[in-house]
N, C-alpha and C. Protein backbone atom coordinates (compact mmCIF):
# COMPACT_ATOMS: atom_id res chain seq x y z
N MET A 1 18.62 165.64 152.93
CA MET A 1 17.22 165.73 153.36
C MET A 1 16.34 165.65 152.15
N THR A 2 15.35 164.74 152.28
CA THR A 2 14.51 164.47 151.10
C THR A 2 13.42 165.52 150.97
N ASP A 3 13.21 166.13 149.71
CA ASP A 3 12.14 167.11 149.45
C ASP A 3 10.87 166.34 149.26
N ASN A 4 9.98 166.49 150.26
CA ASN A 4 8.72 165.78 150.22
C ASN A 4 7.59 166.59 149.58
N THR A 5 7.94 167.73 149.00
CA THR A 5 6.90 168.57 148.41
C THR A 5 6.26 167.85 147.25
N ALA A 6 4.98 167.71 147.33
CA ALA A 6 4.27 166.98 146.28
C ALA A 6 4.13 167.85 145.05
N ARG A 7 4.31 167.21 143.96
CA ARG A 7 4.16 167.92 142.70
C ARG A 7 2.87 167.49 142.06
N ARG A 8 2.12 168.54 141.62
CA ARG A 8 0.83 168.27 140.98
C ARG A 8 1.05 167.85 139.55
N PRO A 9 0.11 167.08 139.05
CA PRO A 9 0.25 166.65 137.65
C PRO A 9 0.25 167.85 136.72
N GLY A 10 1.12 167.86 135.81
CA GLY A 10 1.20 168.94 134.83
C GLY A 10 2.20 169.99 135.19
N ASP A 11 2.76 169.89 136.46
CA ASP A 11 3.73 170.93 136.83
C ASP A 11 4.99 170.82 136.00
N ALA A 12 5.32 169.62 135.64
CA ALA A 12 6.55 169.46 134.88
C ALA A 12 6.45 170.10 133.51
N ASP A 13 5.18 170.21 133.00
CA ASP A 13 5.00 170.79 131.66
C ASP A 13 4.92 172.30 131.66
N ALA A 14 4.77 172.92 132.89
CA ALA A 14 4.60 174.38 132.94
C ALA A 14 5.90 175.07 132.60
N GLY A 15 5.81 176.09 131.77
CA GLY A 15 6.99 176.84 131.39
C GLY A 15 7.32 177.91 132.41
N PRO A 16 8.34 178.64 132.17
CA PRO A 16 8.69 179.72 133.11
C PRO A 16 7.62 180.82 133.10
N GLU A 17 7.37 181.43 134.27
CA GLU A 17 6.34 182.49 134.42
C GLU A 17 6.77 183.73 133.67
N VAL A 18 5.87 184.29 132.87
CA VAL A 18 6.16 185.49 132.06
C VAL A 18 5.56 186.69 132.76
N SER A 19 6.32 187.71 133.03
CA SER A 19 5.85 188.93 133.70
C SER A 19 5.52 189.99 132.65
N GLY A 20 4.71 190.98 133.08
CA GLY A 20 4.36 192.09 132.18
C GLY A 20 3.03 191.88 131.51
N ALA A 21 2.48 192.99 130.87
CA ALA A 21 1.17 192.96 130.23
C ALA A 21 1.23 192.16 128.95
N GLN A 22 0.11 191.55 128.64
CA GLN A 22 0.01 190.78 127.41
C GLN A 22 -0.23 191.73 126.24
N PRO A 23 0.24 191.46 125.10
CA PRO A 23 0.00 192.33 123.93
C PRO A 23 -1.46 192.40 123.58
N GLU A 24 -1.94 193.61 123.12
CA GLU A 24 -3.34 193.80 122.74
C GLU A 24 -3.67 192.96 121.53
N THR A 25 -4.89 192.49 121.57
CA THR A 25 -5.34 191.70 120.44
C THR A 25 -5.75 192.62 119.30
N GLY A 26 -5.86 192.17 118.11
CA GLY A 26 -6.26 192.95 116.95
C GLY A 26 -5.08 193.28 116.07
N THR A 27 -5.41 193.66 114.82
CA THR A 27 -4.35 193.95 113.85
C THR A 27 -3.88 195.39 114.03
N PRO A 28 -2.63 195.66 114.26
CA PRO A 28 -2.15 197.04 114.41
C PRO A 28 -2.33 197.81 113.11
N GLN A 29 -2.52 199.20 113.24
CA GLN A 29 -2.71 200.04 112.06
C GLN A 29 -1.41 200.16 111.28
N THR A 30 -1.55 200.15 110.00
CA THR A 30 -0.40 200.38 109.16
C THR A 30 -0.16 201.88 109.03
N GLU A 31 0.96 202.24 108.47
CA GLU A 31 1.28 203.66 108.28
C GLU A 31 0.27 204.34 107.36
N GLU A 32 -0.20 203.63 106.35
CA GLU A 32 -1.18 204.21 105.42
C GLU A 32 -2.50 204.50 106.14
N GLU A 33 -2.92 203.58 107.01
CA GLU A 33 -4.18 203.79 107.74
C GLU A 33 -4.06 204.95 108.71
N LYS A 34 -2.89 205.06 109.36
CA LYS A 34 -2.69 206.19 110.27
C LYS A 34 -2.76 207.52 109.52
N ILE A 35 -2.12 207.55 108.36
CA ILE A 35 -2.14 208.79 107.55
C ILE A 35 -3.55 209.10 107.08
N ALA A 36 -4.32 208.08 106.67
CA ALA A 36 -5.69 208.30 106.21
C ALA A 36 -6.57 208.83 107.34
N ALA A 37 -6.41 208.28 108.56
CA ALA A 37 -7.18 208.76 109.71
C ALA A 37 -6.82 210.20 110.04
N LEU A 38 -5.53 210.54 109.96
CA LEU A 38 -5.09 211.91 110.23
C LEU A 38 -5.65 212.88 109.21
N VAL A 39 -5.64 212.47 107.93
CA VAL A 39 -6.19 213.32 106.86
C VAL A 39 -7.68 213.55 107.08
N GLU A 40 -8.41 212.52 107.48
CA GLU A 40 -9.84 212.66 107.72
C GLU A 40 -10.11 213.62 108.88
N THR A 41 -9.31 213.51 109.94
CA THR A 41 -9.47 214.42 111.09
C THR A 41 -9.19 215.86 110.69
N LEU A 42 -8.12 216.06 109.93
CA LEU A 42 -7.77 217.41 109.50
C LEU A 42 -8.83 217.99 108.56
N ALA A 43 -9.40 217.15 107.71
CA ALA A 43 -10.45 217.63 106.80
C ALA A 43 -11.68 218.04 107.57
N ARG A 44 -12.04 217.28 108.58
CA ARG A 44 -13.20 217.62 109.40
C ARG A 44 -12.97 218.93 110.16
N GLU A 45 -11.80 219.08 110.74
CA GLU A 45 -11.48 220.32 111.44
C GLU A 45 -11.45 221.51 110.49
N ASN A 46 -10.95 221.28 109.28
CA ASN A 46 -10.92 222.36 108.28
C ASN A 46 -12.32 222.79 107.90
N ALA A 47 -13.24 221.84 107.73
CA ALA A 47 -14.63 222.17 107.40
C ALA A 47 -15.29 222.94 108.52
N GLU A 48 -15.03 222.54 109.77
CA GLU A 48 -15.60 223.25 110.91
C GLU A 48 -15.05 224.67 110.98
N ASN A 49 -13.75 224.82 110.78
CA ASN A 49 -13.15 226.17 110.82
C ASN A 49 -13.69 227.04 109.69
N LYS A 50 -13.89 226.44 108.50
CA LYS A 50 -14.45 227.20 107.38
C LYS A 50 -15.87 227.65 107.68
N ASP A 51 -16.66 226.79 108.30
CA ASP A 51 -18.03 227.15 108.64
C ASP A 51 -18.05 228.29 109.65
N ARG A 52 -17.18 228.21 110.67
CA ARG A 52 -17.11 229.29 111.67
C ARG A 52 -16.66 230.60 111.02
N LEU A 53 -15.72 230.50 110.07
CA LEU A 53 -15.25 231.71 109.39
C LEU A 53 -16.36 232.35 108.58
N LEU A 54 -17.13 231.55 107.85
CA LEU A 54 -18.23 232.08 107.05
C LEU A 54 -19.29 232.72 107.93
N ARG A 55 -19.59 232.10 109.07
CA ARG A 55 -20.57 232.68 109.99
C ARG A 55 -20.07 234.02 110.54
N THR A 56 -18.79 234.06 110.89
CA THR A 56 -18.22 235.30 111.41
C THR A 56 -18.25 236.41 110.36
N LEU A 57 -17.91 236.07 109.11
CA LEU A 57 -17.94 237.06 108.03
C LEU A 57 -19.36 237.56 107.79
N ALA A 58 -20.34 236.66 107.85
CA ALA A 58 -21.74 237.08 107.66
C ALA A 58 -22.19 238.01 108.78
N GLU A 59 -21.81 237.69 110.02
CA GLU A 59 -22.18 238.56 111.14
C GLU A 59 -21.52 239.93 111.01
N MET A 60 -20.26 239.95 110.58
CA MET A 60 -19.56 241.23 110.39
C MET A 60 -20.21 242.05 109.29
N GLU A 61 -20.65 241.40 108.20
CA GLU A 61 -21.32 242.12 107.11
C GLU A 61 -22.65 242.70 107.57
N ASN A 62 -23.41 241.90 108.36
CA ASN A 62 -24.68 242.41 108.90
C ASN A 62 -24.44 243.57 109.84
N LEU A 63 -23.39 243.48 110.65
CA LEU A 63 -23.06 244.57 111.57
C LEU A 63 -22.67 245.83 110.80
N ARG A 64 -21.92 245.65 109.70
CA ARG A 64 -21.51 246.81 108.89
C ARG A 64 -22.73 247.50 108.28
N LYS A 65 -23.65 246.70 107.72
CA LYS A 65 -24.83 247.28 107.11
C LYS A 65 -25.71 247.97 108.15
N ARG A 66 -25.87 247.34 109.31
CA ARG A 66 -26.68 247.94 110.36
C ARG A 66 -26.06 249.25 110.85
N THR A 67 -24.74 249.27 110.98
CA THR A 67 -24.06 250.49 111.41
C THR A 67 -24.22 251.59 110.38
N GLU A 68 -24.06 251.25 109.10
CA GLU A 68 -24.24 252.26 108.04
C GLU A 68 -25.66 252.80 108.05
N ARG A 69 -26.65 251.91 108.26
CA ARG A 69 -28.04 252.36 108.29
C ARG A 69 -28.29 253.28 109.48
N GLU A 70 -27.73 252.94 110.64
CA GLU A 70 -27.92 253.77 111.82
C GLU A 70 -27.24 255.13 111.65
N VAL A 71 -26.05 255.12 111.05
CA VAL A 71 -25.36 256.40 110.82
C VAL A 71 -26.16 257.25 109.84
N SER A 72 -26.71 256.61 108.78
CA SER A 72 -27.52 257.35 107.82
C SER A 72 -28.78 257.93 108.47
N ASP A 73 -29.41 257.14 109.35
CA ASP A 73 -30.61 257.63 110.03
C ASP A 73 -30.29 258.81 110.94
N VAL A 74 -29.17 258.71 111.64
CA VAL A 74 -28.77 259.81 112.52
C VAL A 74 -28.49 261.07 111.71
N ARG A 75 -27.81 260.88 110.56
CA ARG A 75 -27.49 262.03 109.71
C ARG A 75 -28.75 262.65 109.12
N GLN A 76 -29.72 261.81 108.76
CA GLN A 76 -30.92 262.32 108.08
C GLN A 76 -31.98 262.79 109.06
N TYR A 77 -32.18 262.04 110.14
CA TYR A 77 -33.28 262.34 111.05
C TYR A 77 -32.83 262.95 112.39
N GLY A 78 -31.51 263.09 112.55
CA GLY A 78 -31.02 263.63 113.83
C GLY A 78 -31.41 265.08 114.06
N ILE A 79 -31.76 265.80 112.99
CA ILE A 79 -32.12 267.21 113.13
C ILE A 79 -33.63 267.39 113.26
N ALA A 80 -34.36 266.30 113.46
CA ALA A 80 -35.83 266.40 113.46
C ALA A 80 -36.31 267.36 114.55
N SER A 81 -35.77 267.22 115.75
CA SER A 81 -36.21 268.08 116.85
C SER A 81 -35.88 269.55 116.57
N PHE A 82 -34.68 269.80 116.05
CA PHE A 82 -34.30 271.17 115.71
C PHE A 82 -35.16 271.71 114.58
N ALA A 83 -35.46 270.85 113.59
CA ALA A 83 -36.26 271.29 112.44
C ALA A 83 -37.66 271.69 112.88
N ARG A 84 -38.25 270.96 113.83
CA ARG A 84 -39.59 271.33 114.32
C ARG A 84 -39.58 272.72 114.93
N ASP A 85 -38.53 273.04 115.65
CA ASP A 85 -38.44 274.38 116.25
C ASP A 85 -38.29 275.45 115.17
N VAL A 86 -37.54 275.13 114.12
CA VAL A 86 -37.36 276.10 113.04
C VAL A 86 -38.66 276.31 112.27
N LEU A 87 -39.48 275.25 112.17
CA LEU A 87 -40.74 275.38 111.45
C LEU A 87 -41.66 276.40 112.11
N ALA A 88 -41.57 276.52 113.43
CA ALA A 88 -42.39 277.52 114.11
C ALA A 88 -42.02 278.93 113.63
N VAL A 89 -40.75 279.16 113.39
CA VAL A 89 -40.30 280.46 112.87
C VAL A 89 -40.84 280.66 111.46
N ALA A 90 -40.76 279.62 110.62
CA ALA A 90 -41.27 279.72 109.26
C ALA A 90 -42.78 279.99 109.26
N ASP A 91 -43.51 279.37 110.18
CA ASP A 91 -44.96 279.59 110.26
C ASP A 91 -45.27 281.04 110.61
N ASN A 92 -44.55 281.59 111.55
CA ASN A 92 -44.79 282.98 111.95
C ASN A 92 -44.50 283.94 110.81
N MET A 93 -43.46 283.67 110.06
CA MET A 93 -43.14 284.53 108.92
C MET A 93 -44.23 284.43 107.86
N GLU A 94 -44.73 283.22 107.63
CA GLU A 94 -45.78 283.06 106.63
C GLU A 94 -47.06 283.75 107.08
N ARG A 95 -47.41 283.65 108.35
CA ARG A 95 -48.62 284.32 108.85
C ARG A 95 -48.50 285.83 108.73
N ALA A 96 -47.30 286.34 109.02
CA ALA A 96 -47.10 287.79 108.92
C ALA A 96 -47.28 288.27 107.48
N LEU A 97 -46.82 287.49 106.52
CA LEU A 97 -46.97 287.88 105.12
C LEU A 97 -48.41 287.75 104.65
N GLN A 98 -49.12 286.71 105.13
CA GLN A 98 -50.51 286.52 104.72
C GLN A 98 -51.43 287.57 105.33
N ALA A 99 -51.01 288.18 106.43
CA ALA A 99 -51.86 289.19 107.08
C ALA A 99 -51.97 290.46 106.25
N LEU A 100 -51.05 290.65 105.32
CA LEU A 100 -51.06 291.86 104.49
C LEU A 100 -51.60 291.49 103.11
N ASP A 101 -52.73 292.06 102.76
CA ASP A 101 -53.30 291.76 101.45
C ASP A 101 -52.60 292.57 100.37
N ALA A 102 -52.95 292.27 99.13
CA ALA A 102 -52.28 292.91 98.00
C ALA A 102 -52.52 294.41 97.97
N GLU A 103 -53.73 294.83 98.34
CA GLU A 103 -54.04 296.27 98.30
C GLU A 103 -53.19 297.03 99.31
N LEU A 104 -53.03 296.44 100.50
CA LEU A 104 -52.23 297.11 101.52
C LEU A 104 -50.77 297.21 101.11
N ARG A 105 -50.30 296.21 100.42
CA ARG A 105 -48.92 296.25 99.96
C ARG A 105 -48.72 297.33 98.90
N GLU A 106 -49.73 297.49 98.05
CA GLU A 106 -49.61 298.49 97.00
C GLU A 106 -49.58 299.91 97.58
N THR A 107 -50.35 300.12 98.63
CA THR A 107 -50.42 301.47 99.21
C THR A 107 -49.35 301.72 100.26
N ALA A 108 -48.56 300.71 100.59
CA ALA A 108 -47.52 300.88 101.61
C ALA A 108 -46.39 301.75 101.07
N ASN A 109 -45.71 302.42 102.00
CA ASN A 109 -44.60 303.28 101.59
C ASN A 109 -43.39 302.42 101.22
N PRO A 110 -42.42 302.98 100.54
CA PRO A 110 -41.25 302.21 100.09
C PRO A 110 -40.53 301.47 101.21
N GLY A 111 -40.49 302.08 102.40
CA GLY A 111 -39.80 301.42 103.51
C GLY A 111 -40.49 300.13 103.93
N VAL A 112 -41.84 300.16 103.99
CA VAL A 112 -42.59 298.96 104.36
C VAL A 112 -42.47 297.90 103.26
N LYS A 113 -42.52 298.34 102.00
CA LYS A 113 -42.38 297.39 100.90
C LYS A 113 -41.01 296.70 100.95
N ALA A 114 -39.97 297.46 101.25
CA ALA A 114 -38.64 296.87 101.34
C ALA A 114 -38.57 295.87 102.50
N LEU A 115 -39.26 296.19 103.59
CA LEU A 115 -39.29 295.27 104.73
C LEU A 115 -40.00 293.97 104.36
N LEU A 116 -41.14 294.10 103.66
CA LEU A 116 -41.88 292.91 103.24
C LEU A 116 -41.07 292.06 102.26
N ASP A 117 -40.38 292.73 101.34
CA ASP A 117 -39.52 291.98 100.40
C ASP A 117 -38.42 291.23 101.16
N GLY A 118 -37.88 291.85 102.19
CA GLY A 118 -36.84 291.19 102.98
C GLY A 118 -37.38 289.98 103.73
N VAL A 119 -38.59 290.10 104.26
CA VAL A 119 -39.21 288.97 104.97
C VAL A 119 -39.48 287.82 104.01
N GLU A 120 -40.00 288.13 102.81
CA GLU A 120 -40.25 287.09 101.81
C GLU A 120 -38.95 286.40 101.39
N LEU A 121 -37.90 287.18 101.21
CA LEU A 121 -36.61 286.61 100.84
C LEU A 121 -36.08 285.70 101.95
N THR A 122 -36.23 286.14 103.19
CA THR A 122 -35.78 285.32 104.33
C THR A 122 -36.57 284.02 104.41
N GLU A 123 -37.87 284.10 104.15
CA GLU A 123 -38.69 282.89 104.18
C GLU A 123 -38.25 281.91 103.10
N ARG A 124 -37.98 282.41 101.90
CA ARG A 124 -37.54 281.53 100.82
C ARG A 124 -36.20 280.89 101.14
N GLU A 125 -35.30 281.65 101.72
CA GLU A 125 -33.99 281.11 102.08
C GLU A 125 -34.12 280.06 103.18
N LEU A 126 -35.02 280.30 104.11
CA LEU A 126 -35.23 279.34 105.19
C LEU A 126 -35.75 278.01 104.65
N LEU A 127 -36.73 278.09 103.75
CA LEU A 127 -37.26 276.87 103.14
C LEU A 127 -36.21 276.17 102.29
N LYS A 128 -35.35 276.94 101.65
CA LYS A 128 -34.29 276.35 100.84
C LYS A 128 -33.29 275.59 101.71
N VAL A 129 -32.96 276.16 102.86
CA VAL A 129 -32.04 275.49 103.78
C VAL A 129 -32.67 274.22 104.34
N LEU A 130 -33.95 274.29 104.70
CA LEU A 130 -34.64 273.10 105.20
C LEU A 130 -34.66 272.00 104.13
N ASP A 131 -34.95 272.40 102.91
CA ASP A 131 -34.98 271.43 101.81
C ASP A 131 -33.60 270.80 101.59
N LYS A 132 -32.55 271.57 101.76
CA LYS A 132 -31.19 271.08 101.61
C LYS A 132 -30.89 269.96 102.61
N HIS A 133 -31.51 270.05 103.78
CA HIS A 133 -31.29 269.05 104.83
C HIS A 133 -32.40 268.01 104.87
N GLY A 134 -33.15 267.88 103.78
CA GLY A 134 -34.14 266.82 103.67
C GLY A 134 -35.51 267.14 104.22
N VAL A 135 -35.75 268.38 104.64
CA VAL A 135 -37.05 268.77 105.19
C VAL A 135 -37.84 269.45 104.06
N LYS A 136 -38.92 268.81 103.65
CA LYS A 136 -39.68 269.31 102.51
C LYS A 136 -41.10 269.66 102.94
N LYS A 137 -41.56 270.78 102.40
CA LYS A 137 -42.90 271.28 102.72
C LYS A 137 -43.90 270.66 101.76
N PHE A 138 -45.07 270.31 102.28
CA PHE A 138 -46.16 269.86 101.41
C PHE A 138 -47.45 270.47 101.91
N GLU A 139 -48.30 270.84 100.98
CA GLU A 139 -49.55 271.51 101.31
C GLU A 139 -50.68 270.86 100.50
N PRO A 140 -51.63 270.22 101.17
CA PRO A 140 -52.73 269.57 100.44
C PRO A 140 -53.58 270.60 99.71
N GLN A 141 -54.24 270.14 98.68
CA GLN A 141 -55.11 271.00 97.90
C GLN A 141 -56.56 270.81 98.34
N LYS A 142 -57.33 271.85 98.17
CA LYS A 142 -58.74 271.78 98.49
C LYS A 142 -59.41 270.72 97.63
N GLY A 143 -60.14 269.83 98.26
CA GLY A 143 -60.80 268.75 97.55
C GLY A 143 -60.04 267.44 97.61
N ASP A 144 -58.78 267.46 98.11
CA ASP A 144 -58.04 266.21 98.26
C ASP A 144 -58.72 265.33 99.31
N LYS A 145 -58.61 264.03 99.11
CA LYS A 145 -59.16 263.10 100.10
C LYS A 145 -58.36 263.17 101.39
N PHE A 146 -59.04 263.21 102.51
CA PHE A 146 -58.35 263.28 103.79
C PHE A 146 -57.54 262.01 104.04
N ASP A 147 -56.26 262.20 104.35
CA ASP A 147 -55.35 261.08 104.59
C ASP A 147 -54.81 261.22 106.01
N PRO A 148 -55.19 260.33 106.93
CA PRO A 148 -54.71 260.45 108.31
C PRO A 148 -53.21 260.29 108.44
N ASN A 149 -52.55 259.74 107.41
CA ASN A 149 -51.09 259.61 107.45
C ASN A 149 -50.39 260.92 107.14
N LEU A 150 -51.11 261.84 106.49
CA LEU A 150 -50.52 263.12 106.10
C LEU A 150 -51.21 264.32 106.73
N HIS A 151 -52.47 264.16 107.09
CA HIS A 151 -53.27 265.29 107.55
C HIS A 151 -53.74 265.08 108.99
N GLN A 152 -53.96 266.20 109.65
CA GLN A 152 -54.58 266.18 110.98
C GLN A 152 -55.83 267.07 110.92
N ALA A 153 -56.99 266.47 111.18
CA ALA A 153 -58.25 267.21 111.09
C ALA A 153 -58.41 268.10 112.31
N MET A 154 -58.65 269.37 112.07
CA MET A 154 -58.85 270.34 113.16
C MET A 154 -60.34 270.56 113.42
N TYR A 155 -61.15 270.50 112.38
CA TYR A 155 -62.59 270.70 112.52
C TYR A 155 -63.26 270.23 111.24
N GLU A 156 -64.58 270.21 111.26
CA GLU A 156 -65.37 269.86 110.09
C GLU A 156 -66.13 271.08 109.60
N LEU A 157 -66.30 271.16 108.30
CA LEU A 157 -67.00 272.29 107.68
C LEU A 157 -68.14 271.77 106.82
N PRO A 158 -69.31 272.39 106.94
CA PRO A 158 -70.42 272.01 106.04
C PRO A 158 -70.22 272.63 104.66
N VAL A 159 -69.68 271.87 103.74
CA VAL A 159 -69.43 272.36 102.38
C VAL A 159 -70.21 271.46 101.43
N PRO A 160 -71.42 271.88 101.05
CA PRO A 160 -72.26 271.03 100.18
C PRO A 160 -71.64 270.73 98.83
N SER A 161 -70.76 271.60 98.37
CA SER A 161 -70.18 271.40 97.04
C SER A 161 -69.05 270.39 97.03
N GLN A 162 -68.64 269.91 98.20
CA GLN A 162 -67.53 268.95 98.28
C GLN A 162 -68.00 267.64 98.91
N PRO A 163 -67.46 266.53 98.44
CA PRO A 163 -67.79 265.25 99.09
C PRO A 163 -67.29 265.23 100.54
N ALA A 164 -68.00 264.55 101.38
CA ALA A 164 -67.58 264.41 102.76
C ALA A 164 -66.26 263.67 102.85
N GLY A 165 -65.43 264.09 103.80
CA GLY A 165 -64.14 263.43 103.98
C GLY A 165 -63.04 263.96 103.09
N THR A 166 -63.24 265.14 102.52
CA THR A 166 -62.19 265.75 101.70
C THR A 166 -61.72 267.03 102.38
N VAL A 167 -60.56 267.50 101.97
CA VAL A 167 -59.96 268.70 102.56
C VAL A 167 -60.75 269.92 102.09
N ALA A 168 -61.30 270.66 103.06
CA ALA A 168 -62.07 271.86 102.74
C ALA A 168 -61.25 273.13 102.96
N GLN A 169 -60.26 273.06 103.87
CA GLN A 169 -59.46 274.24 104.18
C GLN A 169 -58.12 273.78 104.75
N VAL A 170 -57.07 274.48 104.38
CA VAL A 170 -55.74 274.17 104.89
C VAL A 170 -55.38 275.22 105.95
N VAL A 171 -55.21 274.77 107.17
CA VAL A 171 -54.86 275.68 108.27
C VAL A 171 -53.36 275.89 108.33
N GLN A 172 -52.61 274.82 108.13
CA GLN A 172 -51.15 274.90 108.25
C GLN A 172 -50.52 273.80 107.39
N PRO A 173 -49.51 274.13 106.59
CA PRO A 173 -48.88 273.11 105.75
C PRO A 173 -48.14 272.07 106.58
N GLY A 174 -47.85 270.94 105.97
CA GLY A 174 -47.10 269.89 106.65
C GLY A 174 -45.68 269.81 106.12
N TYR A 175 -44.87 269.02 106.81
CA TYR A 175 -43.47 268.86 106.41
C TYR A 175 -43.06 267.40 106.57
N MET A 176 -42.24 266.94 105.64
CA MET A 176 -41.64 265.61 105.69
C MET A 176 -40.14 265.77 105.89
N ILE A 177 -39.54 264.80 106.57
CA ILE A 177 -38.08 264.75 106.67
C ILE A 177 -37.67 263.38 106.14
N GLY A 178 -37.05 263.37 104.98
CA GLY A 178 -36.77 262.11 104.32
C GLY A 178 -38.09 261.46 103.92
N ASP A 179 -38.27 260.22 104.33
CA ASP A 179 -39.53 259.52 104.05
C ASP A 179 -40.40 259.42 105.30
N ARG A 180 -40.13 260.24 106.30
CA ARG A 180 -40.89 260.22 107.54
C ARG A 180 -41.66 261.53 107.73
N MET A 181 -42.76 261.40 108.45
CA MET A 181 -43.57 262.58 108.74
C MET A 181 -42.91 263.41 109.84
N LEU A 182 -42.64 264.67 109.54
CA LEU A 182 -42.11 265.58 110.55
C LEU A 182 -43.24 266.32 111.23
N ARG A 183 -44.21 266.77 110.43
CA ARG A 183 -45.38 267.45 110.98
C ARG A 183 -46.53 267.32 110.00
N PRO A 184 -47.69 266.80 110.43
CA PRO A 184 -48.81 266.66 109.50
C PRO A 184 -49.40 268.03 109.15
N ALA A 185 -50.07 268.09 108.03
CA ALA A 185 -50.76 269.31 107.65
C ALA A 185 -52.06 269.41 108.44
N LEU A 186 -52.34 270.60 108.96
CA LEU A 186 -53.58 270.83 109.71
C LEU A 186 -54.65 271.29 108.73
N VAL A 187 -55.78 270.59 108.71
CA VAL A 187 -56.80 270.87 107.71
C VAL A 187 -58.18 270.86 108.34
N GLY A 188 -59.12 271.52 107.64
CA GLY A 188 -60.53 271.40 107.94
C GLY A 188 -61.15 270.42 106.95
N VAL A 189 -62.03 269.57 107.42
CA VAL A 189 -62.58 268.49 106.60
C VAL A 189 -64.04 268.79 106.29
N ALA A 190 -64.42 268.58 105.04
CA ALA A 190 -65.80 268.82 104.62
C ALA A 190 -66.71 267.71 105.16
N LYS A 191 -67.93 268.10 105.50
CA LYS A 191 -68.92 267.11 105.94
C LYS A 191 -70.27 267.46 105.32
N GLY A 192 -71.11 266.49 105.20
CA GLY A 192 -72.46 266.74 104.74
C GLY A 192 -72.61 266.93 103.26
N GLY A 193 -71.53 266.85 102.49
CA GLY A 193 -71.64 267.03 101.06
C GLY A 193 -72.09 265.74 100.39
N PRO A 194 -72.17 265.74 99.08
CA PRO A 194 -72.60 264.52 98.38
C PRO A 194 -71.57 263.42 98.56
N LYS A 195 -72.05 262.20 98.65
CA LYS A 195 -71.15 261.08 98.77
C LYS A 195 -70.52 260.79 97.41
N PRO A 196 -69.29 260.31 97.40
CA PRO A 196 -68.66 259.98 96.12
C PRO A 196 -69.48 258.94 95.37
N GLU A 197 -69.59 259.14 94.07
CA GLU A 197 -70.39 258.21 93.26
C GLU A 197 -69.75 256.83 93.26
N ALA A 198 -70.58 255.83 93.42
CA ALA A 198 -70.08 254.46 93.41
C ALA A 198 -69.69 254.07 92.00
N LYS A 199 -68.52 253.45 91.88
CA LYS A 199 -68.06 253.02 90.57
C LYS A 199 -68.85 251.79 90.13
N PRO A 200 -69.23 251.73 88.86
CA PRO A 200 -69.97 250.55 88.39
C PRO A 200 -69.12 249.30 88.51
N GLN A 201 -69.73 248.23 88.95
CA GLN A 201 -69.01 246.99 89.13
C GLN A 201 -68.70 246.37 87.77
N ALA A 202 -67.51 245.85 87.67
CA ALA A 202 -67.08 245.21 86.42
C ALA A 202 -67.67 243.82 86.32
N ASN A 203 -67.65 243.30 85.11
CA ASN A 203 -68.14 241.94 84.85
C ASN A 203 -69.59 241.75 85.29
N ASP A 204 -70.43 242.73 84.97
CA ASP A 204 -71.85 242.62 85.30
C ASP A 204 -72.50 241.67 84.30
N ASN A 205 -72.87 240.48 84.78
CA ASN A 205 -73.41 239.45 83.89
C ASN A 205 -74.93 239.50 83.76
N THR A 206 -75.54 240.58 84.28
CA THR A 206 -77.01 240.68 84.21
C THR A 206 -77.44 240.87 82.76
N ASP A 207 -78.29 240.02 82.28
CA ASP A 207 -78.74 240.12 80.89
C ASP A 207 -79.73 241.25 80.75
N PRO A 208 -79.67 242.03 79.66
CA PRO A 208 -80.63 243.12 79.44
C PRO A 208 -82.01 242.53 79.24
N PRO A 209 -83.05 243.32 79.59
CA PRO A 209 -84.40 242.81 79.39
C PRO A 209 -84.71 242.55 77.93
N ALA A 210 -85.46 241.51 77.69
CA ALA A 210 -85.79 241.16 76.30
C ALA A 210 -86.68 242.20 75.68
N ALA A 211 -86.53 242.40 74.38
CA ALA A 211 -87.33 243.40 73.69
C ALA A 211 -88.79 243.02 73.74
N GLY A 212 -89.62 243.99 74.01
CA GLY A 212 -91.06 243.80 74.02
C GLY A 212 -91.57 243.17 75.28
N SER A 213 -90.71 242.96 76.28
CA SER A 213 -91.18 242.36 77.52
C SER A 213 -91.80 243.40 78.42
């Protein structure tokens, strides 16, 4: 039986059909290039890890300093509330001692004198203990300029001999705890006195009047 299948031109030249994927185009990487790419990747990852490590160490150092500061503040200022209550006791002892003048002490019997000496000793010991824990007493002097950061004005006094705005009377001493105000000093402030003299301005370029003018 004759094969009548027509053959197209060029069929005789076609080679056998090749199965499977064709190879990728381009030059394959050599071993040196692969190693260089790997080294570059590792170097980049190492730099990133180093940066993260440095950031973590910096955060840990900041946390350590902040914790130390908070612990120091608690140790120094944690007794503030208790210290204020103790100051009330110190105030009462001071008022009791100030109520007795020197003449009354001289005429008092030995028993009363011994009692007063004991109260004075107790007051000194109390102040010493407060000072040991960072609580320090301060008392403004008469004539000091009124400072709202340290003083609390209770009233004004007409004191002509003092400039206005200065301390005329100390009602109650103040106390500091560390570098913070624990209790301001209670004071009376002078009013109506002479104003502080104005300081002469420097670099006064005014020429003196000419002679004979």
